[in-house]
C-alpha atoms as a PDB file:
ATOM      1  CA  MET A   1       0.000   0.000   0.000  1.00  0.00           C
ATOM      2  CA  MET A   2       1.285   3.442  -0.919  1.00  0.00           C
ATOM      3  CA  PHE A   3       1.552   6.226   1.640  1.00  0.00           C
ATOM      4  CA  THR A   4      -1.146   8.272  -0.085  1.00  0.00           C
ATOM      5  CA  GLN A   5      -3.547   5.302   0.043  1.00  0.00           C
ATOM      6  CA  LEU A   6      -3.693   5.295   3.832  1.00  0.00           C
ATOM      7  CA  PRO A   7      -6.989   6.346   5.443  1.00  0.00           C
ATOM      8  CA  ASP A   8      -7.385  10.064   6.073  1.00  0.00           C
ATOM      9  CA  ASP A   9      -7.444   9.727   9.864  1.00  0.00           C
ATOM     10  CA  VAL A  10      -4.165   7.791   9.788  1.00  0.00           C
ATOM     11  CA  LEU A  11      -2.575  10.416   7.559  1.00  0.00           C
ATOM     12  CA  PHE A  12      -3.799  13.201   9.855  1.00  0.00           C
ATOM     13  CA  HIS A  13      -2.225  11.456  12.833  1.00  0.00           C
ATOM     14  CA  ILE A  14       1.111  10.990  11.048  1.00  0.00           C
ATOM     15  CA  LEU A  15       1.251  14.572   9.791  1.00  0.00           C
ATOM     16  CA  SER A  16       0.383  15.972  13.225  1.00  0.00           C
ATOM     17  CA  HIS A  17       3.942  15.091  14.312  1.00  0.00           C
ATOM     18  CA  LEU A  18       5.538  17.235  11.581  1.00  0.00           C
ATOM     19  CA  ASP A  19       6.566  20.858  11.944  1.00  0.00           C
ATOM     20  CA  HIS A  20       5.800  23.565   9.393  1.00  0.00           C
ATOM     21  CA  ARG A  21       9.065  23.044   7.477  1.00  0.00           C
ATOM     22  CA  SER A  22       8.440  19.317   7.053  1.00  0.00           C
ATOM     23  CA  LEU A  23       4.863  19.933   5.961  1.00  0.00           C
ATOM     24  CA  SER A  24       6.068  22.409   3.346  1.00  0.00           C
ATOM     25  CA  ARG A  25       8.562  19.918   1.952  1.00  0.00           C
ATOM     26  CA  LEU A  26       5.993  17.114   1.946  1.00  0.00           C
ATOM     27  CA  SER A  27       3.547  19.232  -0.052  1.00  0.00           C
ATOM     28  CA  GLN A  28       6.135  19.398  -2.860  1.00  0.00           C
ATOM     29  CA  VAL A  29       6.403  15.610  -3.302  1.00  0.00           C
ATOM     30  CA  CYS A  30       3.386  15.068  -5.536  1.00  0.00           C
ATOM     31  CA  LYS A  31       0.045  16.603  -6.445  1.00  0.00           C
ATOM     32  CA  SER A  32      -2.059  14.295  -4.256  1.00  0.00           C
ATOM     33  CA  LEU A  33       0.049  15.045  -1.177  1.00  0.00           C
ATOM     34  CA  ASN A  34      -0.048  18.738  -1.990  1.00  0.00           C
ATOM     35  CA  VAL A  35      -3.854  18.698  -1.971  1.00  0.00           C
ATOM     36  CA  PHE A  36      -4.003  16.761   1.297  1.00  0.00           C
ATOM     37  CA  VAL A  37      -1.314  18.755   3.135  1.00  0.00           C
ATOM     38  CA  ASN A  38      -2.947  22.059   2.179  1.00  0.00           C
ATOM     39  CA  ARG A  39      -6.003  21.273   4.305  1.00  0.00           C
ATOM     40  CA  ASP A  40      -6.520  23.564   7.306  1.00  0.00           C
ATOM     41  CA  ALA A  41      -6.833  20.606   9.670  1.00  0.00           C
ATOM     42  CA  VAL A  42      -3.292  19.497   8.837  1.00  0.00           C
ATOM     43  CA  TRP A  43      -1.773  22.905   9.533  1.00  0.00           C
ATOM     44  CA  ARG A  44      -3.797  23.805  12.646  1.00  0.00           C
ATOM     45  CA  LYS A  45      -1.360  22.334  15.179  1.00  0.00           C
ATOM     46  CA  ALA A  46       1.723  23.712  13.422  1.00  0.00           C
ATOM     47  CA  ALA A  47       0.114  27.137  13.063  1.00  0.00           C
ATOM     48  CA  LYS A  48      -0.605  27.386  16.786  1.00  0.00           C
ATOM     49  CA  GLY A  49       3.061  26.878  17.499  1.00  0.00           C
ATOM     50  CA  CYS A  50       4.312  29.730  15.349  1.00  0.00           C
ATOM     51  CA  LEU A  51       1.500  32.280  15.138  1.00  0.00           C
ATOM     52  CA  ASN A  52       2.509  35.627  16.676  1.00  0.00           C
ATOM     53  CA  SER A  53       5.182  34.059  18.841  1.00  0.00           C
ATOM     54  CA  GLY A  54       7.565  36.984  18.483  1.00  0.00           C
ATOM     55  CA  ILE A  55      10.405  34.523  17.772  1.00  0.00           C
ATOM     56  CA  THR A  56      12.330  34.586  14.489  1.00  0.00           C
ATOM     57  CA  TRP A  57      13.308  31.484  12.493  1.00  0.00           C
ATOM     58  CA  ASN A  58      16.675  31.170  14.275  1.00  0.00           C
ATOM     59  CA  GLY A  59      15.192  31.416  17.760  1.00  0.00           C
ATOM     60  CA  THR A  60      15.945  35.060  18.578  1.00  0.00           C
ATOM     61  CA  ASP A  61      13.339  37.326  20.142  1.00  0.00           C
ATOM     62  CA  ILE A  62      11.993  40.187  18.067  1.00  0.00           C
ATOM     63  CA  LEU A  63      11.462  42.139  21.306  1.00  0.00           C
ATOM     64  CA  PRO A  64      14.751  41.741  23.226  1.00  0.00           C
ATOM     65  CA  VAL A  65      14.150  44.657  25.579  1.00  0.00           C
ATOM     66  CA  SER A  66      10.801  45.781  26.911  1.00  0.00           C
ATOM     67  CA  SER A  67      10.995  49.556  27.343  1.00  0.00           C
ATOM     68  CA  LEU A  68       7.812  50.142  29.301  1.00  0.00           C
ATOM     69  CA  HIS A  69       7.311  52.700  32.029  1.00  0.00           C
ATOM     70  CA  GLN A  70       3.719  52.905  33.249  1.00  0.00           C
ATOM     71  CA  HIS A  71       3.156  51.814  36.820  1.00  0.00           C
ATOM     72  CA  HIS A  72      -0.491  51.591  37.771  1.00  0.00           C
ATOM     73  CA  PHE A  73      -2.967  48.757  37.590  1.00  0.00           C
ATOM     74  CA  HIS A  74      -6.483  47.587  38.417  1.00  0.00           C
ATOM     75  CA  ILE A  75      -7.483  44.507  40.365  1.00  0.00           C
ATOM     76  CA  PRO A  76     -10.875  42.909  41.071  1.00  0.00           C
ATOM     77  CA  ALA A  77     -11.979  44.007  44.517  1.00  0.00           C
ATOM     78  CA  SER A  78     -12.926  40.481  45.593  1.00  0.00           C
ATOM     79  CA  HIS A  79      -9.193  39.640  45.528  1.00  0.00           C
ATOM     80  CA  TYR A  80      -7.970  42.840  47.196  1.00  0.00           C
ATOM     81  CA  GLN A  81      -5.838  41.941  50.240  1.00  0.00           C
ATOM     82  CA  SER A  82      -6.322  38.233  49.348  1.00  0.00           C
ATOM     83  CA  ARG A  83      -9.814  38.115  50.816  1.00  0.00           C
ATOM     84  CA  CYS A  84     -12.522  35.891  49.372  1.00  0.00           C
ATOM     85  CA  ILE A  85     -16.017  37.389  49.159  1.00  0.00           C
ATOM     86  CA  PHE A  86     -19.014  35.034  49.090  1.00  0.00           C
ATOM     87  CA  ILE A  87     -21.869  36.376  46.978  1.00  0.00           C
ATOM     88  CA  ASN A  88     -25.492  35.301  47.085  1.00  0.00           C
ATOM     89  CA  TRP A  89     -26.442  33.454  43.905  1.00  0.00           C
ATOM     90  CA  ARG A  90     -29.432  35.762  43.416  1.00  0.00           C
ATOM     91  CA  TYR A  91     -27.168  38.761  42.832  1.00  0.00           C
ATOM     92  CA  ARG A  92     -25.515  39.450  39.525  1.00  0.00           C
ATOM     93  CA  LEU A  93     -21.757  39.414  39.902  1.00  0.00           C
ATOM     94  CA  LEU A  94     -19.873  42.549  38.832  1.00  0.00           C
ATOM     95  CA  PHE A  95     -16.298  42.926  39.993  1.00  0.00           C
ATOM     96  CA  PRO A  96     -15.645  46.421  41.348  1.00  0.00           C
ATOM     97  CA  GLN A  97     -12.527  47.961  39.908  1.00  0.00           C
ATOM     98  CA  LEU A  98      -9.882  49.269  42.290  1.00  0.00           C
ATOM     99  CA  SER A  99      -7.343  51.737  40.960  1.00  0.00           C
ATOM    100  CA  ALA A 100      -3.951  52.432  42.481  1.00  0.00           C
ATOM    101  CA  GLY A 101      -0.898  54.482  41.652  1.00  0.00           C
ATOM    102  CA  ALA A 102      -0.743  57.189  39.023  1.00  0.00           C
ATOM    103  CA  HIS A 103      -4.384  56.769  37.992  1.00  0.00           C
ATOM    104  CA  LEU A 104      -5.556  58.360  41.260  1.00  0.00           C
ATOM    105  CA  GLU A 105      -2.234  59.667  42.464  1.00  0.00           C
ATOM    106  CA  ASN A 106      -3.318  63.243  43.243  1.00  0.00           C
ATOM    107  CA  LEU A 107      -7.052  62.983  43.614  1.00  0.00           C
ATOM    108  CA  GLY A 108      -7.772  66.484  44.894  1.00  0.00           C
ATOM    109  CA  GLY A 109      -5.679  66.178  48.027  1.00  0.00           C
ATOM    110  CA  LEU A 110      -6.463  62.525  48.672  1.00  0.00           C
ATOM    111  CA  ASN A 111      -2.883  61.431  48.178  1.00  0.00           C
ATOM    112  CA  ARG A 112      -2.577  57.744  47.265  1.00  0.00           C
ATOM    113  CA  GLY A 113      -6.320  57.207  47.180  1.00  0.00           C
ATOM    114  CA  LEU A 114      -8.336  54.232  45.994  1.00  0.00           C
ATOM    115  CA  SER A 115     -11.628  54.279  44.150  1.00  0.00           C
ATOM    116  CA  GLY A 116     -14.091  51.490  43.574  1.00  0.00           C
ATOM    117  CA  PHE A 117     -17.367  51.287  41.712  1.00  0.00           C
ATOM    118  CA  PHE A 118     -20.107  48.793  42.273  1.00  0.00           C
ATOM    119  CA  SER A 119     -23.160  47.168  40.732  1.00  0.00           C
ATOM    120  CA  ASP A 120     -25.571  49.387  42.685  1.00  0.00           C
ATOM    121  CA  GLY A 121     -24.278  52.545  40.971  1.00  0.00           C
ATOM    122  CA  THR A 122     -22.167  53.730  43.902  1.00  0.00           C
ATOM    123  CA  ILE A 123     -18.649  55.166  43.601  1.00  0.00           C
ATOM    124  CA  VAL A 124     -16.438  55.067  46.688  1.00  0.00           C
ATOM    125  CA  VAL A 125     -13.259  57.136  47.047  1.00  0.00           C
ATOM    126  CA  HIS A 126     -11.093  55.925  49.907  1.00  0.00           C
ATOM    127  CA  ASN A 127      -8.140  57.693  51.510  1.00  0.00           C
ATOM    128  CA  ARG A 128      -5.694  55.005  52.628  1.00  0.00           C
ATOM    129  CA  ARG A 129      -3.914  57.336  55.041  1.00  0.00           C
ATOM    130  CA  ASN A 130      -6.794  58.426  57.264  1.00  0.00           C
ATOM    131  CA  ARG A 131      -9.144  55.619  56.156  1.00  0.00           C
ATOM    132  CA  MET A 132     -11.864  58.123  55.280  1.00  0.00           C
ATOM    133  CA  SER A 133     -14.264  57.272  52.456  1.00  0.00           C
ATOM    134  CA  LEU A 134     -16.449  59.419  50.232  1.00  0.00           C
ATOM    135  CA  ARG A 135     -19.485  57.820  48.620  1.00  0.00           C
ATOM    136  CA  LEU A 136     -20.750  59.268  45.340  1.00  0.00           C
ATOM    137  CA  MET A 137     -24.282  58.158  44.502  1.00  0.00           C
ATOM    138  CA  GLY A 138     -26.022  59.178  41.301  1.00  0.00           C
ATOM    139  CA  HIS A 139     -26.149  56.286  38.862  1.00  0.00           C
ATOM    140  CA  SER A 140     -29.230  54.072  38.919  1.00  0.00           C
ATOM    141  CA  GLN A 141     -27.384  50.988  37.596  1.00  0.00           C
ATOM    142  CA  GLU A 142     -23.870  49.560  37.775  1.00  0.00           C
ATOM    143  CA  VAL A 143     -20.920  51.794  36.981  1.00  0.00           C
ATOM    144  CA  ASN A 144     -18.853  50.359  34.127  1.00  0.00           C
ATOM    145  CA  CYS A 145     -15.954  52.802  33.945  1.00  0.00           C
ATOM    146  CA  LEU A 146     -14.230  55.613  35.786  1.00  0.00           C
ATOM    147  CA  ASP A 147     -11.438  58.103  35.155  1.00  0.00           C
ATOM    148  CA  THR A 148     -10.000  60.823  37.372  1.00  0.00           C
ATOM    149  CA  LYS A 149      -7.573  63.708  37.122  1.00  0.00           C
ATOM    150  CA  ASN A 150      -6.755  66.247  39.839  1.00  0.00           C
ATOM    151  CA  GLY A 151     -10.076  65.999  41.620  1.00  0.00           C
ATOM    152  CA  LEU A 152     -12.222  65.711  38.485  1.00  0.00           C
ATOM    153  CA  ILE A 153     -14.047  62.384  38.169  1.00  0.00           C
ATOM    154  CA  VAL A 154     -15.930  61.128  35.109  1.00  0.00           C
ATOM    155  CA  SER A 155     -17.969  57.940  35.329  1.00  0.00           C
ATOM    156  CA  GLY A 156     -19.999  55.921  32.845  1.00  0.00           C
ATOM    157  CA  SER A 157     -22.825  53.546  33.642  1.00  0.00           C
ATOM    158  CA  ARG A 158     -25.200  50.964  32.298  1.00  0.00           C
ATOM    159  CA  ASP A 159     -27.989  53.496  32.902  1.00  0.00           C
ATOM    160  CA  ARG A 160     -26.861  55.291  29.701  1.00  0.00           C
ATOM    161  CA  THR A 161     -25.401  58.327  31.414  1.00  0.00           C
ATOM    162  CA  ALA A 162     -21.963  59.806  31.953  1.00  0.00           C
ATOM    163  CA  ARG A 163     -21.514  61.921  35.063  1.00  0.00           C
ATOM    164  CA  MET A 164     -18.924  64.434  36.228  1.00  0.00           C
ATOM    165  CA  TRP A 165     -18.008  64.645  39.900  1.00  0.00           C
ATOM    166  CA  THR A 166     -15.773  66.611  42.240  1.00  0.00           C
ATOM    167  CA  LEU A 167     -14.599  65.711  45.724  1.00  0.00           C
ATOM    168  CA  THR A 168     -16.256  68.783  47.212  1.00  0.00           C
ATOM    169  CA  SER A 169     -19.771  67.459  46.672  1.00  0.00           C
ATOM    170  CA  SER A 170     -21.433  64.071  46.925  1.00  0.00           C
ATOM    171  CA  SER A 171     -23.840  64.869  44.083  1.00  0.00           C
ATOM    172  CA  PRO A 172     -22.832  64.889  40.400  1.00  0.00           C
ATOM    173  CA  LEU A 173     -21.560  68.134  38.940  1.00  0.00           C
ATOM    174  CA  ALA A 174     -23.247  67.370  35.617  1.00  0.00           C
ATOM    175  CA  THR A 175     -24.973  64.505  33.826  1.00  0.00           C
ATOM    176  CA  ILE A 176     -24.805  63.637  30.130  1.00  0.00           C
ATOM    177  CA  SER A 177     -27.568  61.453  28.742  1.00  0.00           C
ATOM    178  CA  MET A 178     -26.337  58.909  26.215  1.00  0.00           C
ATOM    179  CA  ILE A 179     -28.202  56.698  23.759  1.00  0.00           C
ATOM    180  CA  ASP A 180     -26.272  53.545  24.721  1.00  0.00           C
ATOM    181  CA  ARG A 181     -24.624  52.032  27.760  1.00  0.00           C
ATOM    182  CA  VAL A 182     -21.298  53.691  28.537  1.00  0.00           C
ATOM    183  CA  TRP A 183     -18.431  51.180  28.575  1.00  0.00           C
ATOM    184  CA  SER A 184     -15.382  53.479  28.803  1.00  0.00           C
ATOM    185  CA  VAL A 185     -14.348  57.047  29.630  1.00  0.00           C
ATOM    186  CA  ALA A 186     -11.026  58.899  29.521  1.00  0.00           C
ATOM    187  CA  ILE A 187     -10.110  62.433  30.562  1.00  0.00           C
ATOM    188  CA  SER A 188      -7.686  64.378  28.388  1.00  0.00           C
ATOM    189  CA  PRO A 189      -4.305  65.210  29.989  1.00  0.00           C
ATOM    190  CA  THR A 190      -5.232  68.910  29.717  1.00  0.00           C
ATOM    191  CA  GLN A 191      -8.564  68.266  31.510  1.00  0.00           C
ATOM    192  CA  SER A 192     -10.295  70.407  28.901  1.00  0.00           C
ATOM    193  CA  SER A 193     -12.216  67.476  27.431  1.00  0.00           C
ATOM    194  CA  PHE A 194     -13.010  63.807  27.877  1.00  0.00           C
ATOM    195  CA  VAL A 195     -13.990  60.909  25.621  1.00  0.00           C
ATOM    196  CA  THR A 196     -16.811  58.414  26.083  1.00  0.00           C
ATOM    197  CA  GLY A 197     -17.120  54.976  24.508  1.00  0.00           C
ATOM    198  CA  THR A 198     -20.525  53.304  24.302  1.00  0.00           C
ATOM    199  CA  ALA A 199     -21.947  49.903  23.399  1.00  0.00           C
ATOM    200  CA  CYS A 200     -22.746  50.878  19.768  1.00  0.00           C
ATOM    201  CA  CYS A 201     -26.116  49.120  19.815  1.00  0.00           C
ATOM    202  CA  GLU A 202     -28.544  52.026  19.438  1.00  0.00           C
ATOM    203  CA  ASP A 203     -26.049  54.735  18.486  1.00  0.00           C
ATOM    204  CA  ALA A 204     -23.846  54.300  15.407  1.00  0.00           C
ATOM    205  CA  SER A 205     -21.206  56.676  16.854  1.00  0.00           C
ATOM    206  CA  PRO A 206     -19.748  54.984  19.946  1.00  0.00           C
ATOM    207  CA  LEU A 207     -16.838  57.451  20.356  1.00  0.00           C
ATOM    208  CA  ARG A 208     -17.606  61.044  21.309  1.00  0.00           C
ATOM    209  CA  ILE A 209     -15.443  63.905  22.559  1.00  0.00           C
ATOM    210  CA  TRP A 210     -16.938  66.294  25.119  1.00  0.00           C
ATOM    211  CA  ASP A 211     -15.523  69.523  26.477  1.00  0.00           C
ATOM    212  CA  VAL A 212     -15.811  70.399  30.147  1.00  0.00           C
ATOM    213  CA  GLU A 213     -18.836  72.572  29.394  1.00  0.00           C
ATOM    214  CA  LEU A 214     -20.630  69.364  28.322  1.00  0.00           C
ATOM    215  CA  ALA A 215     -20.865  70.285  24.667  1.00  0.00           C
ATOM    216  CA  CYS A 216     -20.178  67.468  22.217  1.00  0.00           C
ATOM    217  CA  VAL A 217     -17.185  68.561  20.172  1.00  0.00           C
ATOM    218  CA  CYS A 218     -17.262  65.742  17.614  1.00  0.00           C
ATOM    219  CA  SER A 219     -17.655  62.027  17.024  1.00  0.00           C
ATOM    220  CA  LEU A 220     -14.678  59.856  16.160  1.00  0.00           C
ATOM    221  CA  GLY A 221     -14.862  57.384  13.304  1.00  0.00           C
ATOM    222  CA  SER A 222     -17.680  56.255  11.053  1.00  0.00           C
ATOM    223  CA  ASP A 223     -19.281  53.070   9.729  1.00  0.00           C
ATOM    224  CA  PHE A 224     -18.974  51.165  13.000  1.00  0.00           C
ATOM    225  CA  ARG A 225     -20.715  47.808  12.997  1.00  0.00           C
ATOM    226  CA  ARG A 226     -23.605  47.331  15.386  1.00  0.00           C
ATOM    227  CA  GLY A 227     -22.270  45.992  18.672  1.00  0.00           C
ATOM    228  CA  ALA A 228     -18.721  47.303  18.106  1.00  0.00           C
ATOM    229  CA  GLY A 229     -18.626  48.772  21.596  1.00  0.00           C
ATOM    230  CA  VAL A 230     -15.534  50.595  22.862  1.00  0.00           C
ATOM    231  CA  LEU A 231     -14.238  48.914  26.028  1.00  0.00           C
ATOM    232  CA  ASP A 232     -11.136  50.998  26.753  1.00  0.00           C
ATOM    233  CA  ILE A 233      -9.717  54.413  25.886  1.00  0.00           C
ATOM    234  CA  ALA A 234      -6.168  55.567  26.615  1.00  0.00           C
ATOM    235  CA  PHE A 235      -4.786  59.059  26.010  1.00  0.00           C
ATOM    236  CA  GLU A 236      -1.117  59.162  25.042  1.00  0.00           C
ATOM    237  CA  SER A 237      -1.019  62.947  24.643  1.00  0.00           C
ATOM    238  CA  PRO A 238      -3.619  65.736  24.493  1.00  0.00           C
ATOM    239  CA  PHE A 239      -3.974  65.034  20.754  1.00  0.00           C
ATOM    240  CA  GLN A 240      -3.451  61.274  20.480  1.00  0.00           C
ATOM    241  CA  LEU A 241      -5.539  58.479  21.963  1.00  0.00           C
ATOM    242  CA  PHE A 242      -5.997  54.735  21.536  1.00  0.00           C
ATOM    243  CA  THR A 243      -9.220  52.735  21.636  1.00  0.00           C
ATOM    244  CA  CYS A 244     -10.145  49.055  21.593  1.00  0.00           C
ATOM    245  CA  GLY A 245     -13.276  46.989  21.997  1.00  0.00           C
ATOM    246  CA  TYR A 246     -15.583  44.334  20.652  1.00  0.00           C
ATOM    247  CA  ASP A 247     -14.652  44.808  16.987  1.00  0.00           C
ATOM    248  CA  THR A 248     -11.167  43.318  17.728  1.00  0.00           C
ATOM    249  CA  PHE A 249      -9.255  46.414  16.518  1.00  0.00           C
ATOM    250  CA  ILE A 250      -6.797  48.712  18.273  1.00  0.00           C
ATOM    251  CA  ARG A 251      -7.130  52.191  16.787  1.00  0.00           C
ATOM    252  CA  GLN A 252      -4.928  55.252  17.096  1.00  0.00           C
ATOM    253  CA  TRP A 253      -6.606  58.649  16.693  1.00  0.00           C
ATOM    254  CA  ASP A 254      -5.034  62.056  16.125  1.00  0.00           C
ATOM    255  CA  LEU A 255      -7.420  64.827  17.163  1.00  0.00           C
ATOM    256  CA  ARG A 256      -5.523  67.360  15.042  1.00  0.00           C
ATOM    257  CA  LEU A 257      -6.518  65.507  11.872  1.00  0.00           C
ATOM    258  CA  SER A 258      -9.854  64.389  10.475  1.00  0.00           C
ATOM    259  CA  PRO A 259     -12.002  62.803  13.205  1.00  0.00           C
ATOM    260  CA  GLN A 260     -13.681  60.485  10.705  1.00  0.00           C
ATOM    261  CA  LYS A 261     -10.687  58.208  10.163  1.00  0.00           C
ATOM    262  CA  CYS A 262      -8.117  56.770  12.544  1.00  0.00           C
ATOM    263  CA  VAL A 263      -4.394  57.197  11.935  1.00  0.00           C
ATOM    264  CA  MET A 264      -3.466  53.533  12.465  1.00  0.00           C
ATOM    265  CA  GLU A 265      -5.211  50.296  13.365  1.00  0.00           C
ATOM    266  CA  TRP A 266      -4.112  46.825  14.461  1.00  0.00           C
ATOM    267  CA  GLU A 267      -6.339  43.729  14.384  1.00  0.00           C
ATOM    268  CA  GLU A 268      -6.397  41.010  17.025  1.00  0.00           C
ATOM    269  CA  PRO A 269      -5.331  37.903  15.047  1.00  0.00           C
ATOM    270  CA  HIS A 270      -7.680  35.453  16.787  1.00  0.00           C
ATOM    271  CA  ASP A 271     -10.816  37.594  16.389  1.00  0.00           C
ATOM    272  CA  SER A 272     -11.138  38.159  20.151  1.00  0.00           C
ATOM    273  CA  ALA A 273     -12.617  41.259  21.717  1.00  0.00           C
ATOM    274  CA  LEU A 274     -10.046  43.547  23.336  1.00  0.00           C
ATOM    275  CA  TYR A 275     -10.892  44.510  26.903  1.00  0.00           C
ATOM    276  CA  CYS A 276      -8.014  46.841  27.737  1.00  0.00           C
ATOM    277  CA  ILE A 277      -5.061  48.677  26.266  1.00  0.00           C
ATOM    278  CA  GLN A 278      -2.008  50.542  27.524  1.00  0.00           C
ATOM    279  CA  THR A 279       0.909  52.330  25.828  1.00  0.00           C
ATOM    280  CA  ASP A 280       4.345  53.379  27.005  1.00  0.00           C
ATOM    281  CA  GLY A 281       4.196  56.768  25.296  1.00  0.00           C
ATOM    282  CA  ASN A 282       6.726  55.647  22.708  1.00  0.00           C
ATOM    283  CA  ASN A 283       6.324  52.652  20.355  1.00  0.00           C
ATOM    284  CA  MET A 284       4.987  49.870  22.566  1.00  0.00           C
ATOM    285  CA  ILE A 285       1.345  48.844  23.070  1.00  0.00           C
ATOM    286  CA  ALA A 286      -0.034  46.140  25.359  1.00  0.00           C
ATOM    287  CA  SER A 287      -3.553  44.749  24.929  1.00  0.00           C
ATOM    288  CA  GLY A 288      -5.697  42.288  26.864  1.00  0.00           C
ATOM    289  CA  SER A 289      -8.000  39.863  25.031  1.00  0.00           C
ATOM    290  CA  SER A 290     -11.330  38.348  26.003  1.00  0.00           C
ATOM    291  CA  TYR A 291     -10.243  34.679  26.024  1.00  0.00           C
ATOM    292  CA  TYR A 292      -7.686  32.691  28.035  1.00  0.00           C
ATOM    293  CA  GLY A 293      -6.025  35.744  29.541  1.00  0.00           C
ATOM    294  CA  VAL A 294      -4.049  36.537  26.387  1.00  0.00           C
ATOM    295  CA  VAL A 295      -1.824  39.620  26.612  1.00  0.00           C
ATOM    296  CA  ARG A 296      -0.219  40.870  23.408  1.00  0.00           C
ATOM    297  CA  ILE A 297       2.726  43.213  22.935  1.00  0.00           C
ATOM    298  CA  TRP A 298       2.614  45.385  19.810  1.00  0.00           C
ATOM    299  CA  ASP A 299       5.002  47.757  18.057  1.00  0.00           C
ATOM    300  CA  LYS A 300       3.288  50.747  16.444  1.00  0.00           C
ATOM    301  CA  ARG A 301       5.627  50.453  13.472  1.00  0.00           C
ATOM    302  CA  GLN A 302       4.498  46.898  12.662  1.00  0.00           C
ATOM    303  CA  ALA A 303       1.143  45.450  11.656  1.00  0.00           C
ATOM    304  CA  ARG A 304       1.443  42.209  13.658  1.00  0.00           C
ATOM    305  CA  CYS A 305       2.007  41.743  17.346  1.00  0.00           C
ATOM    306  CA  LEU A 306       5.529  41.037  18.545  1.00  0.00           C
ATOM    307  CA  GLN A 307       4.776  38.635  21.370  1.00  0.00           C
ATOM    308  CA  PHE A 308       1.882  37.192  23.330  1.00  0.00           C
ATOM    309  CA  PHE A 309       1.412  35.543  26.716  1.00  0.00           C
ATOM    310  CA  GLN A 310      -1.439  33.247  27.769  1.00  0.00           C
ATOM    311  CA  LEU A 311      -1.995  33.827  31.482  1.00  0.00           C
ATOM    312  CA  SER A 312      -4.989  31.575  32.175  1.00  0.00           C
ATOM    313  CA  SER A 313      -5.092  27.808  31.777  1.00  0.00           C
ATOM    314  CA  ASP A 314      -6.728  26.021  28.867  1.00  0.00           C
ATOM    315  CA  SER A 315      -9.499  24.729  31.132  1.00  0.00           C
ATOM    316  CA  VAL A 316     -10.436  28.161  32.539  1.00  0.00           C
ATOM    317  CA  SER A 317     -10.941  31.049  30.123  1.00  0.00           C
ATOM    318  CA  SER A 318     -10.912  34.588  31.495  1.00  0.00           C
ATOM    319  CA  PRO A 319     -10.683  38.013  29.879  1.00  0.00           C
ATOM    320  CA  VAL A 320      -7.895  40.393  30.802  1.00  0.00           C
ATOM    321  CA  TYR A 321      -9.967  43.029  32.569  1.00  0.00           C
ATOM    322  CA  CYS A 322      -7.116  45.484  32.959  1.00  0.00           C
ATOM    323  CA  LEU A 323      -3.345  45.618  32.516  1.00  0.00           C
ATOM    324  CA  ARG A 324      -0.473  47.967  33.318  1.00  0.00           C
ATOM    325  CA  PHE A 325       3.231  47.613  32.645  1.00  0.00           C
ATOM    326  CA  SER A 326       6.587  49.121  33.524  1.00  0.00           C
ATOM    327  CA  SER A 327      10.095  48.699  32.168  1.00  0.00           C
ATOM    328  CA  SER A 328      10.465  45.483  34.150  1.00  0.00           C
ATOM    329  CA  HIS A 329       6.984  44.136  34.956  1.00  0.00           C
ATOM    330  CA  LEU A 330       3.547  43.643  33.442  1.00  0.00           C
ATOM    331  CA  TYR A 331       0.467  43.294  35.650  1.00  0.00           C
ATOM    332  CA  ALA A 332      -2.793  41.822  34.356  1.00  0.00           C
ATOM    333  CA  ALA A 333      -6.071  41.402  36.241  1.00  0.00           C
ATOM    334  CA  LEU A 334      -8.042  38.267  35.351  1.00  0.00           C
ATOM    335  CA  ALA A 335     -11.229  36.884  36.865  1.00  0.00           C
ATOM    336  CA  THR A 336      -9.453  34.809  39.498  1.00  0.00           C
ATOM    337  CA  ALA A 337      -6.079  36.439  40.146  1.00  0.00           C
ATOM    338  CA  LEU A 338      -3.682  39.280  39.497  1.00  0.00           C
ATOM    339  CA  HIS A 339      -0.847  38.025  37.285  1.00  0.00           C
ATOM    340  CA  CYS A 340       2.637  39.496  37.105  1.00  0.00           C
ATOM    341  CA  LEU A 341       5.242  39.021  34.364  1.00  0.00           C
ATOM    342  CA  ASP A 342       8.841  39.783  35.333  1.00  0.00           C
ATOM    343  CA  PHE A 343      11.011  40.755  32.328  1.00  0.00           C
ATOM    344  CA  ARG A 344      14.194  41.481  34.280  1.00  0.00           C
ATOM    345  CA  GLN A 345      15.846  38.079  33.837  1.00  0.00           C
ATOM    346  CA  ASN A 346      14.718  36.963  30.380  1.00  0.00           C
ATOM    347  CA  PRO A 347      12.520  39.301  28.287  1.00  0.00           C
ATOM    348  CA  SER A 348      11.628  36.526  25.820  1.00  0.00           C
ATOM    349  CA  SER A 349      10.442  34.173  28.581  1.00  0.00           C
ATOM    350  CA  PRO A 350       9.492  36.256  31.632  1.00  0.00           C
ATOM    351  CA  ARG A 351       9.013  34.746  35.054  1.00  0.00           C
ATOM    352  CA  ARG A 352       5.338  34.469  35.964  1.00  0.00           C
ATOM    353  CA  LYS A 353       3.558  34.674  39.273  1.00  0.00           C
ATOM    354  CA  HIS A 354       0.064  35.491  40.434  1.00  0.00           C
ATOM    355  CA  CYS A 355      -1.486  36.913  43.572  1.00  0.00           C
END
């Protein structure tokens, strides 16, 4: 019996032990083998081993040094201080988001403060020095996002409103009614404006820029697909910002140019929604995907990602709810733990640990 006359399942099993180079050579033997080897099922295992690995053909790392400098992160509140919180099954689970470091570094005199937002629409600002807390109540449903700068707080909620707050009053300074649920907000570094990202279900313009007087300056982008909600927004400068969301794209916007078209865009190769994004202010971008805790490192000058890390196990899939990185570490918050990647010893294979 000839090799090509073997049953298909036997051939699949034999070819599953070959790498991509061997499969390429085998496809050149004859026409029948070329047709069989070119099937997607034959290449699936080999493709998983080399797709977006960040490693060149001779084994060197495309990203030898990780020049990252941000140093703040978010963690699910149920894991804060390693405490387990038992929740009644009747209640819908929504992890509050705790922010630490530069995100709330100078919150109107509350030095080194923490903020959390909850499923009942409450925002809590906590001073870790004197253990005083300020509760901000105004949303009727859960708060999905929050951003602060120098005492100014902007929040977005499932109740289709965005609200502005200050630490001098427990009631909202202003309320903006939106057409859709608000998934993300970001305040400009100049504090003269802020950006909101919505679910893009009822409104075809999920990205809007607002000035502090609550007038809508403009909408960013056009022709968004229904459901292409914006899950995270990150300002890199007063004129440049990055967005990501359910449509699997990272987009870079320049507010000095036409607001209808982004400057650059990068697509998540596995068609996963992107929950969070962070930049180093130079050429590096880090993104968190919706499945298996996948974190990807991108270079703005290249179309494909340089490297990726899968932080959750194959049996438990979790989105990366938030991530932050520095020149030596990357922190990522998943559903069950806070993961840390240490790049100091070996940037191509960082040491991993979780809290």
